[in-house]
Amino acid sequence: MAAVLTVSKYEDIIPPSLDEMIKQMKKPCTWEQILVLENQILRELGFTLTVPTSFRFLERFSRISPKYNSAMDYAEFVIELANYDFRIVFDLTPS
């Protein structure tokens, strides 16, 4: 339940409440037990839930410099193509 709670907080727009989750358990436990386990999970992961991707970099860069719309569209296209075939960007050097 602690892992489900962590994922729902990270992925869902409106995560379910802890009370709702406890009601659905076969063997209910307390709030404190779930929160302690959630804390242990996050500590074990080093609070690193995802890695930065090129798409997130592009998304951030487009907010900083919105005047390059056509270049951003092309860059997004290349990133999407790279998801299908990594050889497309394998020979490119980092900027």
N, C-alpha and C. Protein backbone atom coordinates (compact mmCIF):
# COMPACT_ATOMS: atom_id res chain seq x y z
N MET A 1 0.83 -1.18 0.00
CA MET A 1 0.00 0.00 0.00
C MET A 1 0.88 1.25 0.00
N ALA A 2 2.00 1.19 0.65
CA ALA A 2 2.91 2.34 0.69
C ALA A 2 3.45 2.64 -0.70
N ALA A 3 3.77 1.60 -1.46
CA ALA A 3 4.27 1.80 -2.83
C ALA A 3 3.17 2.37 -3.72
N VAL A 4 1.95 1.89 -3.57
CA VAL A 4 0.83 2.42 -4.36
C VAL A 4 0.58 3.88 -4.01
N LEU A 5 0.69 4.21 -2.74
CA LEU A 5 0.51 5.60 -2.30
C LEU A 5 1.58 6.50 -2.92
N THR A 6 2.83 6.04 -2.92
CA THR A 6 3.93 6.82 -3.50
C THR A 6 3.70 7.05 -4.99
N VAL A 7 3.35 6.00 -5.70
CA VAL A 7 3.11 6.11 -7.14
C VAL A 7 1.92 7.01 -7.43
N SER A 8 0.86 6.88 -6.66
CA SER A 8 -0.32 7.71 -6.92
C SER A 8 -0.04 9.18 -6.66
N LYS A 9 0.79 9.48 -5.67
CA LYS A 9 1.16 10.87 -5.42
C LYS A 9 1.98 11.44 -6.57
N TYR A 10 2.77 10.58 -7.18
CA TYR A 10 3.66 11.02 -8.25
C TYR A 10 2.95 11.10 -9.60
N GLU A 11 2.08 10.15 -9.91
CA GLU A 11 1.48 10.04 -11.24
C GLU A 11 0.09 10.67 -11.36
N ASP A 12 -0.73 10.53 -10.35
CA ASP A 12 -2.13 10.95 -10.45
C ASP A 12 -2.27 12.45 -10.23
N ILE A 13 -3.22 13.02 -10.94
CA ILE A 13 -3.51 14.44 -10.74
C ILE A 13 -4.15 14.63 -9.37
N ILE A 14 -5.11 13.77 -9.05
CA ILE A 14 -5.75 13.79 -7.74
C ILE A 14 -5.57 12.39 -7.13
N PRO A 15 -4.55 12.19 -6.31
CA PRO A 15 -4.34 10.85 -5.75
C PRO A 15 -5.45 10.50 -4.76
N PRO A 16 -5.74 9.21 -4.60
CA PRO A 16 -6.75 8.82 -3.61
C PRO A 16 -6.29 9.15 -2.21
N SER A 17 -7.26 9.38 -1.35
CA SER A 17 -6.89 9.71 0.03
C SER A 17 -6.41 8.45 0.74
N LEU A 18 -5.64 8.66 1.76
CA LEU A 18 -5.11 7.54 2.53
C LEU A 18 -6.24 6.75 3.20
N ASP A 19 -7.28 7.46 3.62
CA ASP A 19 -8.43 6.78 4.23
C ASP A 19 -9.08 5.81 3.24
N GLU A 20 -9.25 6.24 1.99
CA GLU A 20 -9.84 5.38 0.96
C GLU A 20 -8.98 4.14 0.74
N MET A 21 -7.68 4.34 0.73
CA MET A 21 -6.77 3.22 0.50
C MET A 21 -6.81 2.23 1.67
N ILE A 22 -6.89 2.73 2.88
CA ILE A 22 -6.94 1.85 4.05
C ILE A 22 -8.24 1.05 4.05
N LYS A 23 -9.34 1.65 3.63
CA LYS A 23 -10.63 0.95 3.59
C LYS A 23 -10.59 -0.23 2.61
N GLN A 24 -9.77 -0.15 1.55
CA GLN A 24 -9.72 -1.19 0.55
C GLN A 24 -8.78 -2.34 0.92
N MET A 25 -8.03 -2.18 1.97
CA MET A 25 -7.09 -3.22 2.38
C MET A 25 -7.81 -4.37 3.08
N LYS A 26 -7.31 -5.59 2.87
CA LYS A 26 -7.88 -6.75 3.56
C LYS A 26 -7.54 -6.73 5.04
N LYS A 27 -6.29 -6.38 5.32
CA LYS A 27 -5.85 -6.27 6.71
C LYS A 27 -5.42 -4.82 6.95
N PRO A 28 -6.35 -3.97 7.37
CA PRO A 28 -6.02 -2.55 7.53
C PRO A 28 -4.90 -2.30 8.52
N CYS A 29 -4.16 -1.26 8.23
CA CYS A 29 -3.11 -0.83 9.15
C CYS A 29 -3.30 0.66 9.41
N THR A 30 -2.44 1.24 10.19
CA THR A 30 -2.61 2.64 10.56
C THR A 30 -1.93 3.56 9.54
N TRP A 31 -2.32 4.82 9.61
CA TRP A 31 -1.70 5.86 8.79
C TRP A 31 -0.19 5.87 9.00
N GLU A 32 0.18 5.82 10.28
CA GLU A 32 1.59 5.94 10.63
C GLU A 32 2.42 4.82 10.00
N GLN A 33 1.90 3.60 10.02
CA GLN A 33 2.62 2.47 9.45
C GLN A 33 2.85 2.66 7.95
N ILE A 34 1.81 3.13 7.25
CA ILE A 34 1.94 3.34 5.81
C ILE A 34 2.92 4.46 5.51
N LEU A 35 2.84 5.55 6.26
CA LEU A 35 3.73 6.68 6.01
C LEU A 35 5.19 6.34 6.34
N VAL A 36 5.40 5.53 7.37
CA VAL A 36 6.77 5.09 7.70
C VAL A 36 7.32 4.23 6.56
N LEU A 37 6.51 3.32 6.04
CA LEU A 37 6.95 2.49 4.93
C LEU A 37 7.19 3.31 3.66
N GLU A 38 6.33 4.30 3.43
CA GLU A 38 6.53 5.18 2.27
C GLU A 38 7.86 5.92 2.39
N ASN A 39 8.15 6.39 3.58
CA ASN A 39 9.41 7.09 3.83
C ASN A 39 10.59 6.16 3.59
N GLN A 40 10.48 4.90 4.03
CA GLN A 40 11.56 3.93 3.81
C GLN A 40 11.78 3.66 2.33
N ILE A 41 10.68 3.57 1.57
CA ILE A 41 10.78 3.34 0.13
C ILE A 41 11.51 4.50 -0.54
N LEU A 42 11.10 5.72 -0.20
CA LEU A 42 11.72 6.90 -0.81
C LEU A 42 13.19 7.04 -0.41
N ARG A 43 13.51 6.72 0.82
CA ARG A 43 14.92 6.78 1.26
C ARG A 43 15.76 5.74 0.52
N GLU A 44 15.19 4.55 0.34
CA GLU A 44 15.92 3.49 -0.37
C GLU A 44 16.18 3.90 -1.82
N LEU A 45 15.22 4.59 -2.42
CA LEU A 45 15.38 5.08 -3.79
C LEU A 45 16.22 6.35 -3.85
N GLY A 46 16.57 6.89 -2.71
CA GLY A 46 17.34 8.12 -2.67
C GLY A 46 16.52 9.31 -3.18
N PHE A 47 15.20 9.21 -3.04
CA PHE A 47 14.26 10.22 -3.51
C PHE A 47 14.42 10.50 -5.01
N THR A 48 14.99 9.55 -5.73
CA THR A 48 15.16 9.67 -7.17
C THR A 48 14.10 8.80 -7.83
N LEU A 49 13.04 9.44 -8.30
CA LEU A 49 11.94 8.68 -8.89
C LEU A 49 12.05 8.58 -10.40
N THR A 50 12.63 9.55 -11.04
CA THR A 50 12.82 9.51 -12.49
C THR A 50 14.17 10.12 -12.83
N VAL A 51 14.56 9.93 -14.07
CA VAL A 51 15.77 10.57 -14.57
C VAL A 51 15.36 11.63 -15.58
N PRO A 52 16.13 12.70 -15.70
CA PRO A 52 15.79 13.71 -16.69
C PRO A 52 15.93 13.14 -18.10
N THR A 53 14.97 13.44 -18.94
CA THR A 53 15.00 12.97 -20.32
C THR A 53 15.19 14.15 -21.26
N SER A 54 15.50 13.85 -22.49
CA SER A 54 15.68 14.91 -23.49
C SER A 54 14.38 15.66 -23.72
N PHE A 55 13.25 14.98 -23.61
CA PHE A 55 11.97 15.67 -23.82
C PHE A 55 11.73 16.69 -22.72
N ARG A 56 12.03 16.35 -21.46
CA ARG A 56 11.86 17.31 -20.36
C ARG A 56 12.81 18.49 -20.53
N PHE A 57 14.04 18.23 -20.99
CA PHE A 57 14.97 19.31 -21.25
C PHE A 57 14.40 20.25 -22.32
N LEU A 58 13.88 19.67 -23.39
CA LEU A 58 13.30 20.47 -24.47
C LEU A 58 12.10 21.26 -23.98
N GLU A 59 11.28 20.63 -23.16
CA GLU A 59 10.11 21.31 -22.61
C GLU A 59 10.53 22.52 -21.78
N ARG A 60 11.54 22.35 -20.95
CA ARG A 60 12.04 23.45 -20.12
C ARG A 60 12.68 24.54 -20.98
N PHE A 61 13.45 24.13 -21.96
CA PHE A 61 14.11 25.09 -22.84
C PHE A 61 13.09 25.90 -23.63
N SER A 62 11.99 25.27 -24.05
CA SER A 62 10.98 25.98 -24.82
C SER A 62 10.26 27.03 -23.97
N ARG A 63 10.17 26.80 -22.66
CA ARG A 63 9.58 27.81 -21.78
C ARG A 63 10.50 29.01 -21.61
N ILE A 64 11.80 28.74 -21.62
CA ILE A 64 12.77 29.82 -21.44
C ILE A 64 12.89 30.66 -22.70
N SER A 65 12.90 30.02 -23.87
CA SER A 65 13.06 30.75 -25.13
C SER A 65 11.93 30.38 -26.11
N PRO A 66 10.77 30.97 -25.94
CA PRO A 66 9.61 30.58 -26.76
C PRO A 66 9.66 31.07 -28.21
N LYS A 67 10.65 31.86 -28.60
CA LYS A 67 10.65 32.41 -29.95
C LYS A 67 11.10 31.42 -31.02
N TYR A 68 11.62 30.26 -30.62
CA TYR A 68 12.11 29.27 -31.58
C TYR A 68 11.10 28.13 -31.76
N ASN A 69 9.87 28.46 -32.08
CA ASN A 69 8.82 27.44 -32.16
C ASN A 69 9.10 26.38 -33.21
N SER A 70 9.54 26.78 -34.41
CA SER A 70 9.78 25.79 -35.45
C SER A 70 10.94 24.88 -35.09
N ALA A 71 11.97 25.43 -34.47
CA ALA A 71 13.10 24.61 -34.04
C ALA A 71 12.67 23.64 -32.94
N MET A 72 11.80 24.09 -32.05
CA MET A 72 11.30 23.23 -30.98
C MET A 72 10.46 22.09 -31.56
N ASP A 73 9.64 22.41 -32.55
CA ASP A 73 8.83 21.37 -33.20
C ASP A 73 9.72 20.33 -33.86
N TYR A 74 10.77 20.78 -34.53
CA TYR A 74 11.68 19.85 -35.18
C TYR A 74 12.43 19.00 -34.14
N ALA A 75 12.87 19.63 -33.06
CA ALA A 75 13.58 18.90 -32.01
C ALA A 75 12.67 17.85 -31.37
N GLU A 76 11.42 18.21 -31.15
CA GLU A 76 10.47 17.24 -30.58
C GLU A 76 10.25 16.08 -31.54
N PHE A 77 10.20 16.37 -32.82
CA PHE A 77 10.06 15.33 -33.84
C PHE A 77 11.24 14.36 -33.79
N VAL A 78 12.46 14.89 -33.71
CA VAL A 78 13.65 14.04 -33.65
C VAL A 78 13.66 13.19 -32.38
N ILE A 79 13.24 13.79 -31.26
CA ILE A 79 13.18 13.03 -30.01
C ILE A 79 12.18 11.88 -30.13
N GLU A 80 11.03 12.15 -30.74
CA GLU A 80 10.03 11.09 -30.91
C GLU A 80 10.55 10.00 -31.84
N LEU A 81 11.26 10.38 -32.90
CA LEU A 81 11.84 9.37 -33.78
C LEU A 81 12.88 8.52 -33.06
N ALA A 82 13.64 9.16 -32.19
CA ALA A 82 14.67 8.44 -31.45
C ALA A 82 14.07 7.39 -30.52
N ASN A 83 12.83 7.60 -30.09
CA ASN A 83 12.18 6.59 -29.26
C ASN A 83 11.97 5.30 -30.03
N TYR A 84 11.78 5.40 -31.34
CA TYR A 84 11.56 4.22 -32.17
C TYR A 84 12.87 3.59 -32.63
N ASP A 85 13.85 4.43 -32.93
CA ASP A 85 15.12 3.91 -33.45
C ASP A 85 16.26 4.77 -32.92
N PHE A 86 17.00 4.24 -31.96
CA PHE A 86 18.06 5.00 -31.31
C PHE A 86 19.20 5.32 -32.27
N ARG A 87 19.33 4.58 -33.34
CA ARG A 87 20.43 4.83 -34.30
C ARG A 87 20.32 6.22 -34.95
N ILE A 88 19.13 6.81 -34.91
CA ILE A 88 18.94 8.13 -35.51
C ILE A 88 19.80 9.17 -34.80
N VAL A 89 19.92 9.09 -33.50
CA VAL A 89 20.66 10.10 -32.73
C VAL A 89 21.96 9.56 -32.15
N PHE A 90 22.30 8.32 -32.47
CA PHE A 90 23.48 7.71 -31.87
C PHE A 90 24.76 8.46 -32.22
N ASP A 91 24.88 8.97 -33.44
CA ASP A 91 26.11 9.64 -33.86
C ASP A 91 26.14 11.13 -33.53
N LEU A 92 25.07 11.69 -32.99
CA LEU A 92 25.05 13.11 -32.66
C LEU A 92 25.84 13.36 -31.38
N THR A 93 26.58 14.44 -31.36
CA THR A 93 27.32 14.80 -30.16
C THR A 93 26.44 15.68 -29.28
N PRO A 94 26.63 15.64 -27.96
CA PRO A 94 25.82 16.49 -27.09
C PRO A 94 26.14 17.95 -27.30
N SER A 95 25.14 18.80 -27.04
CA SER A 95 25.35 20.24 -27.22
C SER A 95 26.06 20.82 -26.02
